[in-house]
N, C-alpha and C. Protein backbone atom coordinates (compact mmCIF):
# COMPACT_ATOMS: atom_id res chain seq x y z
N MET A 1 23.24 28.18 20.54
CA MET A 1 22.32 27.09 20.34
C MET A 1 21.81 27.12 18.89
N GLU A 2 21.77 25.95 18.25
CA GLU A 2 21.32 25.86 16.87
C GLU A 2 19.80 25.93 16.80
N ALA A 3 19.32 26.59 15.77
CA ALA A 3 17.87 26.66 15.54
C ALA A 3 17.43 25.36 14.86
N THR A 4 16.29 24.87 15.25
CA THR A 4 15.74 23.68 14.63
C THR A 4 14.91 24.08 13.43
N VAL A 5 15.20 23.48 12.29
CA VAL A 5 14.44 23.77 11.08
C VAL A 5 13.41 22.66 10.90
N LEU A 6 12.16 23.05 10.83
CA LEU A 6 11.09 22.07 10.67
C LEU A 6 10.90 21.74 9.19
N THR A 7 10.62 20.48 8.93
CA THR A 7 10.35 20.06 7.57
C THR A 7 8.97 20.57 7.16
N PRO A 8 8.68 20.59 5.87
CA PRO A 8 7.34 20.99 5.44
C PRO A 8 6.23 20.14 6.06
N VAL A 9 6.49 18.85 6.24
CA VAL A 9 5.48 17.97 6.86
C VAL A 9 5.23 18.39 8.30
N GLN A 10 6.29 18.66 9.03
CA GLN A 10 6.14 19.09 10.43
C GLN A 10 5.39 20.41 10.51
N GLN A 11 5.72 21.34 9.64
CA GLN A 11 5.04 22.64 9.64
C GLN A 11 3.55 22.46 9.35
N HIS A 12 3.24 21.62 8.38
CA HIS A 12 1.84 21.38 8.02
C HIS A 12 1.06 20.78 9.19
N LEU A 13 1.66 19.78 9.85
CA LEU A 13 0.98 19.16 10.98
C LEU A 13 0.77 20.13 12.13
N LEU A 14 1.75 20.97 12.39
CA LEU A 14 1.59 21.97 13.45
C LEU A 14 0.44 22.92 13.14
N LYS A 15 0.35 23.37 11.90
CA LYS A 15 -0.75 24.26 11.52
C LYS A 15 -2.10 23.55 11.61
N MET A 16 -2.12 22.30 11.15
CA MET A 16 -3.37 21.54 11.14
C MET A 16 -3.94 21.33 12.53
N PHE A 17 -3.06 21.07 13.50
CA PHE A 17 -3.51 20.71 14.82
C PHE A 17 -3.30 21.81 15.86
N ALA A 18 -3.08 23.01 15.41
CA ALA A 18 -2.82 24.12 16.33
C ALA A 18 -4.02 24.41 17.24
N PHE A 19 -5.21 24.09 16.79
CA PHE A 19 -6.41 24.45 17.56
C PHE A 19 -7.11 23.25 18.19
N ASP A 20 -6.55 22.08 18.03
CA ASP A 20 -7.17 20.88 18.61
C ASP A 20 -6.09 20.08 19.33
N ASP A 21 -6.02 20.25 20.63
CA ASP A 21 -4.98 19.57 21.40
C ASP A 21 -5.54 18.45 22.26
N SER A 22 -6.65 17.86 21.83
CA SER A 22 -7.29 16.81 22.64
C SER A 22 -6.52 15.49 22.53
N GLU A 23 -6.60 14.71 23.57
CA GLU A 23 -5.98 13.38 23.58
C GLU A 23 -6.63 12.48 22.54
N ALA A 24 -7.93 12.64 22.35
CA ALA A 24 -8.63 11.81 21.37
C ALA A 24 -8.08 12.07 19.96
N ARG A 25 -7.84 13.32 19.64
CA ARG A 25 -7.30 13.66 18.32
C ARG A 25 -5.88 13.10 18.18
N LEU A 26 -5.09 13.20 19.21
CA LEU A 26 -3.73 12.66 19.19
C LEU A 26 -3.76 11.16 18.92
N GLU A 27 -4.61 10.43 19.62
CA GLU A 27 -4.71 8.99 19.42
C GLU A 27 -5.18 8.65 18.01
N GLU A 28 -6.10 9.44 17.49
CA GLU A 28 -6.59 9.21 16.12
C GLU A 28 -5.46 9.42 15.11
N VAL A 29 -4.69 10.47 15.28
CA VAL A 29 -3.58 10.75 14.37
C VAL A 29 -2.53 9.64 14.46
N LYS A 30 -2.22 9.21 15.66
CA LYS A 30 -1.26 8.11 15.83
C LYS A 30 -1.74 6.86 15.11
N ARG A 31 -3.02 6.55 15.27
CA ARG A 31 -3.59 5.34 14.65
C ARG A 31 -3.53 5.43 13.12
N VAL A 32 -3.91 6.58 12.58
CA VAL A 32 -3.92 6.76 11.14
C VAL A 32 -2.49 6.67 10.58
N LEU A 33 -1.55 7.32 11.24
CA LEU A 33 -0.16 7.26 10.78
C LEU A 33 0.40 5.84 10.87
N MET A 34 0.08 5.14 11.95
CA MET A 34 0.54 3.76 12.11
C MET A 34 -0.03 2.89 10.99
N GLN A 35 -1.31 3.04 10.68
CA GLN A 35 -1.92 2.25 9.61
C GLN A 35 -1.27 2.57 8.26
N HIS A 36 -1.02 3.84 8.02
CA HIS A 36 -0.41 4.26 6.76
C HIS A 36 0.97 3.64 6.58
N PHE A 37 1.83 3.77 7.59
CA PHE A 37 3.17 3.25 7.46
C PHE A 37 3.22 1.72 7.52
N SER A 38 2.27 1.12 8.21
CA SER A 38 2.17 -0.34 8.22
C SER A 38 1.82 -0.85 6.82
N HIS A 39 0.92 -0.16 6.16
CA HIS A 39 0.53 -0.52 4.80
C HIS A 39 1.73 -0.37 3.85
N LYS A 40 2.47 0.72 3.98
CA LYS A 40 3.65 0.93 3.14
C LYS A 40 4.69 -0.16 3.38
N LEU A 41 4.89 -0.54 4.64
CA LEU A 41 5.84 -1.60 4.96
C LEU A 41 5.40 -2.92 4.34
N ASP A 42 4.11 -3.22 4.44
CA ASP A 42 3.59 -4.45 3.82
C ASP A 42 3.86 -4.46 2.32
N GLN A 43 3.65 -3.32 1.67
CA GLN A 43 3.90 -3.24 0.23
C GLN A 43 5.37 -3.49 -0.09
N CYS A 44 6.26 -2.90 0.69
CA CYS A 44 7.70 -3.10 0.47
C CYS A 44 8.09 -4.56 0.69
N LEU A 45 7.57 -5.15 1.74
CA LEU A 45 7.88 -6.56 2.02
C LEU A 45 7.34 -7.47 0.93
N ASP A 46 6.14 -7.17 0.43
CA ASP A 46 5.57 -7.95 -0.67
C ASP A 46 6.45 -7.85 -1.91
N GLU A 47 6.96 -6.66 -2.18
CA GLU A 47 7.84 -6.47 -3.34
C GLU A 47 9.14 -7.26 -3.17
N LEU A 48 9.72 -7.22 -1.97
CA LEU A 48 10.93 -7.99 -1.71
C LEU A 48 10.68 -9.49 -1.87
N TRP A 49 9.52 -9.93 -1.42
CA TRP A 49 9.18 -11.35 -1.53
C TRP A 49 8.99 -11.72 -3.00
N ASP A 50 8.27 -10.88 -3.74
CA ASP A 50 7.97 -11.16 -5.14
C ASP A 50 9.22 -11.18 -6.02
N ASN A 51 10.21 -10.32 -5.70
CA ASN A 51 11.41 -10.30 -6.54
C ASN A 51 12.50 -11.24 -6.03
N GLY A 52 12.21 -11.99 -4.95
CA GLY A 52 13.13 -13.01 -4.48
C GLY A 52 14.19 -12.53 -3.49
N THR A 53 14.19 -11.23 -3.18
CA THR A 53 15.15 -10.72 -2.21
C THR A 53 14.89 -11.30 -0.83
N LEU A 54 13.62 -11.54 -0.53
CA LEU A 54 13.22 -12.10 0.76
C LEU A 54 12.48 -13.41 0.49
N ASN A 55 12.82 -14.44 1.25
CA ASN A 55 12.12 -15.71 1.11
C ASN A 55 12.10 -16.41 2.47
N GLN A 56 11.46 -17.54 2.53
CA GLN A 56 11.31 -18.24 3.81
C GLN A 56 12.66 -18.64 4.38
N GLU A 57 13.58 -19.04 3.54
CA GLU A 57 14.91 -19.44 4.01
C GLU A 57 15.61 -18.26 4.71
N LYS A 58 15.52 -17.08 4.12
CA LYS A 58 16.14 -15.90 4.73
C LYS A 58 15.44 -15.52 6.03
N LEU A 59 14.12 -15.64 6.06
CA LEU A 59 13.39 -15.36 7.29
C LEU A 59 13.79 -16.33 8.39
N ASP A 60 13.92 -17.61 8.03
CA ASP A 60 14.32 -18.62 9.02
C ASP A 60 15.71 -18.32 9.57
N SER A 61 16.61 -17.82 8.71
CA SER A 61 17.97 -17.53 9.17
C SER A 61 18.00 -16.33 10.12
N LEU A 62 17.01 -15.46 10.04
CA LEU A 62 16.94 -14.30 10.93
C LEU A 62 16.32 -14.62 12.28
N ARG A 63 15.63 -15.74 12.36
CA ARG A 63 14.95 -16.10 13.62
C ARG A 63 15.96 -16.14 14.76
N GLY A 64 15.67 -15.43 15.81
CA GLY A 64 16.53 -15.41 16.98
C GLY A 64 17.65 -14.38 16.91
N THR A 65 17.77 -13.69 15.76
CA THR A 65 18.81 -12.67 15.62
C THR A 65 18.30 -11.35 16.19
N HIS A 66 19.13 -10.71 17.00
CA HIS A 66 18.79 -9.39 17.50
C HIS A 66 19.32 -8.38 16.49
N ILE A 67 18.46 -8.01 15.56
CA ILE A 67 18.88 -7.20 14.42
C ILE A 67 19.43 -5.84 14.87
N ARG A 68 18.77 -5.18 15.78
CA ARG A 68 19.26 -3.88 16.24
C ARG A 68 20.65 -4.01 16.85
N THR A 69 20.84 -5.02 17.65
CA THR A 69 22.15 -5.25 18.28
C THR A 69 23.20 -5.53 17.22
N ALA A 70 22.85 -6.35 16.24
CA ALA A 70 23.79 -6.69 15.18
C ALA A 70 24.17 -5.46 14.37
N VAL A 71 23.21 -4.62 14.07
CA VAL A 71 23.46 -3.41 13.29
C VAL A 71 24.29 -2.41 14.09
N LEU A 72 23.95 -2.24 15.36
CA LEU A 72 24.70 -1.30 16.19
C LEU A 72 26.13 -1.74 16.40
N GLY A 73 26.36 -3.03 16.46
CA GLY A 73 27.70 -3.54 16.67
C GLY A 73 28.63 -3.29 15.48
N LYS A 74 28.06 -3.04 14.30
CA LYS A 74 28.86 -2.83 13.10
C LYS A 74 29.30 -1.38 12.92
N GLN A 75 28.78 -0.49 13.74
CA GLN A 75 29.10 0.93 13.56
C GLN A 75 30.47 1.25 14.07
């Protein structure tokens, strides 16, 4: 069996939360991480919009497309 190597981020989180296993803390961490990555996604999308990579016409063409299905079908 292969050993799993934890990333530095995973190791840090394990150490940080080793003594607090409450559901409330878990929900708080999930919320904070979701907000953080949502903000990063918004920034990336704004950049794509500002440089013209993404526009309303392209968004309209994606409407109704099952992106995951389309991507999986190409593998």
